[in-house]
Structure formats: structure tokens, C-alpha cells
Amino acid sequence: MEDVTIRENIKAVEKTIAVTCREVGRDVQEVTLIAVSKTKPVEMLQEAYAYGCRDFGENKVQELIEKFEEMPKDIRWHMIGHLQRNKVKYIVDKVYLIHSVDSLRLAEEISKEAVKKDVCVKILVEVNVANEETKFGTTCDEVKQLVYDIAKLPNIRVKGLMTIAPFVENAEENRPIFSKLRKIAVDIMKENIDNIDMEILSMGMTGDYTVAISEGATCVRVGTGIFGLRQYMS
């Protein structure tokens, strides 16, 4: 029964994305659905893969590495959780995109390890738009300078911005958060910084991804909406 549920869930999310895009005049091809598979067993990922999912999001380096080894090699792995500098070396040649770069020191470490492994790592700068104390991310005021600084580093490419909006009962409450991130991205694009583009806006999760899409999200990170409630590995 599990596989039917996951398949049906993905189908439902894809339909909602398509409807939302149509309503706001966007091309559905502009929005990538990332299946947030953190804490989920490989069997569940395999079911999502069989349905057609190729973008998976993980929070922890160890879990990403283990799943990378077990899953097909055409998967695009997204590191969406907080990344510690001492773990960078394990994933620079495995991830498609790191969403959670929130400091120059972390970017420097990614650059250093990318040079060692002769890869170019695509990253997003994480912005704590809501200024939540419990969340990581640079501030709205500091993000532009951080992007300028990262742009000078070798083997690293800033592709856009990411934010984790507050958990709210009413998704509309997060509209100003998403709107602000998009505005910051537009402002940075106007600077025409070498080695920087703002084509990716990673924002919106299970509870608020439709609002995020209507405000310009190009990546939505959906976990519960696909896999059900989180399961913690012992």
C-alpha cells in the first residue's frame, strides 16, 4: 500500500504545482519539486524514484552519503540542511546543489574542497528572512555583500537564494517572506556580479509551497506531502 500512497502523493503535489503555475501565469517547467527524503528509508525513496522523482533533498551529510551509494546515479541530490565545514569534503563531488550556504567561511571550505576534487559546486545562499533565532542563514542586510565575497572564490557558483519560512497555520502569512527573498534576488541580479546568477529561488515546503510558487519559487522542498510524517532513525 505504501508505494501507492507515495505515488499518489507525488501526483497530487505535481497537480497542485501545475494548477498554481497556471493561476499565476507561470510555466510549470520553471518549478522543480524536491522530494525531501530526510529520515526516510531507501525503500521509500526507491518508490518515489520509480514514479519519476529525480531531485531528493537531505538534511544530514551522513544520510546523504549512505543514500547516494544505494540509489541510482542519475539522482540530483540537494543538501538542504545546515552544513558543517568539517563535513564539506564528503559531499562536494556528490551533490547537485547545496542550498544552505550561510557564511563566507563555509563557502571558502566548499571552494577549497571543490578545487581539490576538481569539481565546480553550485550553491544557494541561505537567507534568514524572518530573523528567526532558531534558524540558520545570513541576514537580508548582509546577503549582497556575502554574494560579492563568494563570487571571488574558485570552483563555486552562486545560483540563487534559499530561505526556510516560519512554520505557520495559514500559509498566506509567509507571503511577505517569499516576496522579500525574490526582491533581494532581483536586486542582486541588477548588480551584474561575475560568477553569480539568481535563477534559483528555493522556498516553500509542504505547508506553503503554493504561496511560494506564486511569489516566484523555482524549487519547492516537499517532504511530508510526499512521504508522510517524519520518521526518525534510531
Protein backbone atom coordinates (compact mmCIF):
# COMPACT_ATOMS: atom_id res chain seq x y z
CA MET A 1 0.00 0.00 0.00
CA GLU A 2 2.94 2.32 0.77
CA ASP A 3 4.06 2.68 -2.86
CA VAL A 4 0.55 3.68 -3.97
CA THR A 5 0.48 6.34 -1.25
CA ILE A 6 3.81 7.85 -2.27
CA ARG A 7 2.90 7.71 -5.93
CA GLU A 8 -0.48 9.28 -5.30
CA ASN A 9 1.07 11.93 -3.06
CA ILE A 10 3.62 12.96 -5.69
CA LYS A 11 0.89 13.03 -8.33
CA ALA A 12 -1.24 15.26 -6.09
CA VAL A 13 1.66 17.64 -5.37
CA GLU A 14 2.54 17.85 -9.08
CA LYS A 15 -1.07 18.62 -9.91
CA THR A 16 -1.18 21.37 -7.26
CA ILE A 17 2.05 22.85 -8.64
CA ALA A 18 0.60 22.82 -12.16
CA VAL A 19 -2.65 24.47 -11.05
CA THR A 20 -0.79 27.14 -9.07
CA CYS A 21 1.51 27.91 -12.01
CA ARG A 22 -1.48 28.23 -14.32
CA GLU A 23 -3.23 30.57 -11.89
CA VAL A 24 -0.24 32.93 -11.66
CA GLY A 25 0.79 32.69 -15.31
CA ARG A 26 3.98 30.70 -14.85
CA ASP A 27 5.36 27.77 -16.84
CA VAL A 28 5.26 24.62 -14.72
CA GLN A 29 8.69 23.73 -16.13
CA GLU A 30 10.13 26.62 -14.08
CA VAL A 31 9.38 24.82 -10.81
CA THR A 32 11.44 21.86 -9.56
CA LEU A 33 9.86 19.60 -6.98
CA ILE A 34 12.46 18.37 -4.48
CA ALA A 35 11.34 15.31 -2.55
CA VAL A 36 12.66 15.90 0.96
CA SER A 37 13.70 12.41 1.95
CA LYS A 38 15.49 13.12 5.25
CA THR A 39 14.93 10.35 7.83
CA LYS A 40 13.15 8.22 5.22
CA PRO A 41 14.31 4.69 4.42
CA VAL A 42 15.80 3.96 1.00
CA GLU A 43 12.75 1.83 0.10
CA MET A 44 10.55 4.92 0.19
CA LEU A 45 13.00 6.86 -1.97
CA GLN A 46 13.03 3.99 -4.44
CA GLU A 47 9.25 4.20 -4.73
CA ALA A 48 9.45 7.93 -5.41
CA TYR A 49 12.24 7.27 -7.93
CA ALA A 50 10.17 4.62 -9.68
CA TYR A 51 7.40 7.19 -10.08
CA GLY A 52 9.86 9.62 -11.71
CA CYS A 53 11.37 11.72 -8.90
CA ARG A 54 14.98 12.65 -9.60
CA ASP A 55 15.51 15.51 -7.13
CA PHE A 56 15.91 14.49 -3.50
CA GLY A 57 16.70 16.71 -0.52
CA GLU A 58 18.67 15.62 2.53
CA ASN A 59 19.46 17.38 5.80
CA LYS A 60 22.41 15.38 7.07
CA VAL A 61 25.68 14.61 5.31
CA GLN A 62 25.94 11.04 6.61
CA GLU A 63 22.43 10.18 5.45
CA LEU A 64 23.01 11.75 2.04
CA ILE A 65 26.22 9.75 1.54
CA GLU A 66 24.56 6.47 2.51
CA LYS A 67 21.64 7.04 0.16
CA PHE A 68 23.96 8.26 -2.60
CA GLU A 69 25.70 4.88 -2.50
CA GLU A 70 22.46 2.92 -2.63
CA MET A 71 20.39 4.91 -5.09
CA PRO A 72 20.74 5.31 -8.88
CA LYS A 73 23.39 7.71 -10.09
CA ASP A 74 21.10 9.95 -12.15
CA ILE A 75 19.59 11.44 -8.98
CA ARG A 76 20.20 15.12 -8.25
CA TRP A 77 20.98 15.34 -4.54
CA HIS A 78 20.19 18.59 -2.76
CA MET A 79 21.84 19.40 0.58
CA ILE A 80 19.17 21.45 2.31
CA GLY A 81 20.22 21.16 5.95
CA HIS A 82 22.83 23.13 7.88
CA LEU A 83 26.26 22.12 6.61
CA GLN A 84 29.24 21.95 8.97
CA ARG A 85 32.59 22.88 7.47
CA ASN A 86 34.25 19.63 8.56
CA LYS A 87 31.68 17.63 6.56
CA VAL A 88 32.04 19.54 3.29
CA LYS A 89 34.72 17.24 1.86
CA TYR A 90 32.36 14.26 1.91
CA ILE A 91 29.73 15.73 -0.39
CA VAL A 92 31.24 18.33 -2.77
CA ASP A 93 31.52 15.73 -5.55
CA LYS A 94 28.14 14.13 -4.81
CA VAL A 95 25.61 16.95 -4.53
CA TYR A 96 23.82 18.68 -7.38
CA LEU A 97 23.15 21.79 -5.28
CA ILE A 98 23.92 23.00 -1.75
CA HIS A 99 21.00 25.17 -0.59
CA SER A 100 22.30 26.16 2.82
CA VAL A 101 25.44 28.28 2.47
CA ASP A 102 25.13 30.94 5.16
CA SER A 103 28.68 32.24 5.70
CA LEU A 104 31.85 33.11 3.84
CA ARG A 105 33.82 30.58 5.92
CA LEU A 106 31.55 27.77 4.74
CA ALA A 107 31.79 28.98 1.13
CA GLU A 108 35.59 29.09 1.41
CA GLU A 109 35.65 25.50 2.66
CA ILE A 110 33.39 24.37 -0.21
CA SER A 111 35.65 26.18 -2.67
CA LYS A 112 38.79 24.62 -1.18
CA GLU A 113 37.41 21.07 -1.34
CA ALA A 114 35.94 21.65 -4.81
CA VAL A 115 39.39 22.70 -6.08
CA LYS A 116 40.91 19.55 -4.53
CA LYS A 117 38.35 17.31 -6.23
CA ASP A 118 38.34 19.35 -9.45
CA VAL A 119 34.59 19.98 -9.43
CA CYS A 120 32.51 23.14 -9.61
CA VAL A 121 29.91 23.25 -6.85
CA LYS A 122 26.60 25.00 -7.33
CA ILE A 123 25.26 26.69 -4.21
CA LEU A 124 22.45 28.86 -2.91
CA VAL A 125 22.93 31.47 -0.23
CA GLU A 126 20.57 30.84 2.68
CA VAL A 127 18.81 33.96 3.96
CA ASN A 128 17.03 34.06 7.32
CA VAL A 129 14.37 36.45 6.02
CA ALA A 130 12.18 36.14 9.12
CA ASN A 131 15.12 36.67 11.50
CA GLU A 132 14.20 33.57 13.49
CA GLU A 133 16.72 32.84 16.22
CA THR A 134 16.35 29.10 15.74
CA LYS A 135 17.18 29.23 12.02
CA PHE A 136 20.45 29.49 10.16
CA GLY A 137 21.04 31.90 7.31
CA THR A 138 22.57 35.27 6.66
CA THR A 139 20.51 38.43 7.20
CA CYS A 140 18.72 40.38 4.48
CA ASP A 141 21.16 43.25 5.06
CA GLU A 142 24.28 41.11 4.72
CA VAL A 143 23.34 38.83 1.83
CA LYS A 144 24.51 41.09 -1.01
CA GLN A 145 28.00 41.53 0.47
CA LEU A 146 28.22 37.79 1.13
CA VAL A 147 27.37 37.08 -2.51
CA TYR A 148 30.06 39.55 -3.64
CA ASP A 149 32.62 37.81 -1.43
CA ILE A 150 31.68 34.29 -2.56
CA ALA A 151 31.83 35.37 -6.22
CA LYS A 152 35.62 35.72 -5.93
CA LEU A 153 36.16 32.10 -4.88
CA PRO A 154 37.20 29.42 -7.37
CA ASN A 155 35.14 26.31 -8.21
CA ILE A 156 31.95 27.59 -6.60
CA ARG A 157 28.94 29.09 -8.33
CA VAL A 158 26.11 31.01 -6.68
CA LYS A 159 22.87 30.05 -8.47
CA GLY A 160 20.36 31.85 -6.27
CA LEU A 161 18.90 32.13 -2.79
CA MET A 162 17.13 29.90 -0.29
CA THR A 163 15.01 30.56 2.78
CA ILE A 164 13.15 28.50 5.35
CA ALA A 165 10.00 30.37 6.25
CA PRO A 166 8.41 30.14 9.71
CA PHE A 167 6.02 27.31 10.48
CA VAL A 168 2.56 28.85 10.27
CA GLU A 169 -1.01 27.57 10.27
CA ASN A 170 -2.00 29.95 7.47
CA ALA A 171 0.42 29.80 4.52
CA GLU A 172 -0.52 33.33 3.46
CA GLU A 173 1.36 34.63 6.49
CA ASN A 174 4.59 33.62 4.75
CA ARG A 175 3.84 35.55 1.53
CA PRO A 176 5.87 38.62 2.67
CA ILE A 177 8.83 36.32 3.42
CA PHE A 178 8.83 34.83 -0.08
CA SER A 179 8.19 38.19 -1.69
CA LYS A 180 11.16 39.69 0.15
CA LEU A 181 13.52 36.91 -0.92
CA ARG A 182 12.50 37.40 -4.53
CA LYS A 183 13.08 41.14 -4.24
CA ILE A 184 16.57 40.55 -2.80
CA ALA A 185 17.33 38.22 -5.72
CA VAL A 186 16.19 40.85 -8.23
CA ASP A 187 18.34 43.49 -6.53
CA ILE A 188 21.41 41.22 -6.65
CA MET A 189 20.81 40.42 -10.33
CA LYS A 190 20.89 44.14 -11.12
CA GLU A 191 24.45 44.28 -9.76
CA ASN A 192 25.65 42.06 -12.65
CA ILE A 193 28.25 40.33 -10.48
CA ASP A 194 30.58 37.95 -12.33
CA ASN A 195 30.08 34.27 -11.48
CA ILE A 196 26.65 34.98 -9.94
CA ASP A 197 23.16 34.38 -11.18
CA MET A 198 19.85 34.32 -9.39
CA GLU A 199 17.97 31.77 -11.45
CA ILE A 200 17.05 29.60 -8.44
CA LEU A 201 14.76 30.61 -5.58
CA SER A 202 14.46 27.70 -3.16
CA MET A 203 11.49 28.46 -0.93
CA GLY A 204 8.27 26.80 0.16
CA MET A 205 7.63 23.49 1.89
CA THR A 206 4.66 21.16 2.30
CA GLY A 207 2.51 23.72 4.10
CA ASP A 208 3.18 26.78 1.98
CA TYR A 209 4.69 25.84 -1.38
CA THR A 210 1.73 27.16 -3.40
CA VAL A 211 2.23 30.63 -1.91
CA ALA A 212 5.97 30.34 -2.57
CA ILE A 213 5.34 29.44 -6.23
CA SER A 214 3.04 32.42 -6.64
CA GLU A 215 5.90 34.59 -5.34
CA GLY A 216 8.48 33.16 -7.72
CA ALA A 217 9.88 29.95 -6.18
CA THR A 218 11.76 27.76 -8.67
CA CYS A 219 12.48 24.96 -6.15
CA VAL A 220 9.95 23.74 -3.60
CA ARG A 221 11.01 21.33 -0.88
CA VAL A 222 8.22 18.88 -0.07
CA GLY A 223 8.72 16.10 2.48
CA THR A 224 5.58 15.38 4.50
CA GLY A 225 3.38 15.99 1.45
CA ILE A 226 5.15 13.12 -0.34
CA PHE A 227 6.43 10.70 2.30
CA GLY A 228 4.09 11.39 5.20
CA LEU A 229 5.16 12.38 8.68
CA ARG A 230 8.84 12.26 9.53
CA GLN A 231 10.39 9.05 10.82
CA TYR A 232 13.46 9.40 12.98
CA MET A 233 16.15 6.81 12.57
CA SER A 234 17.35 5.33 15.83
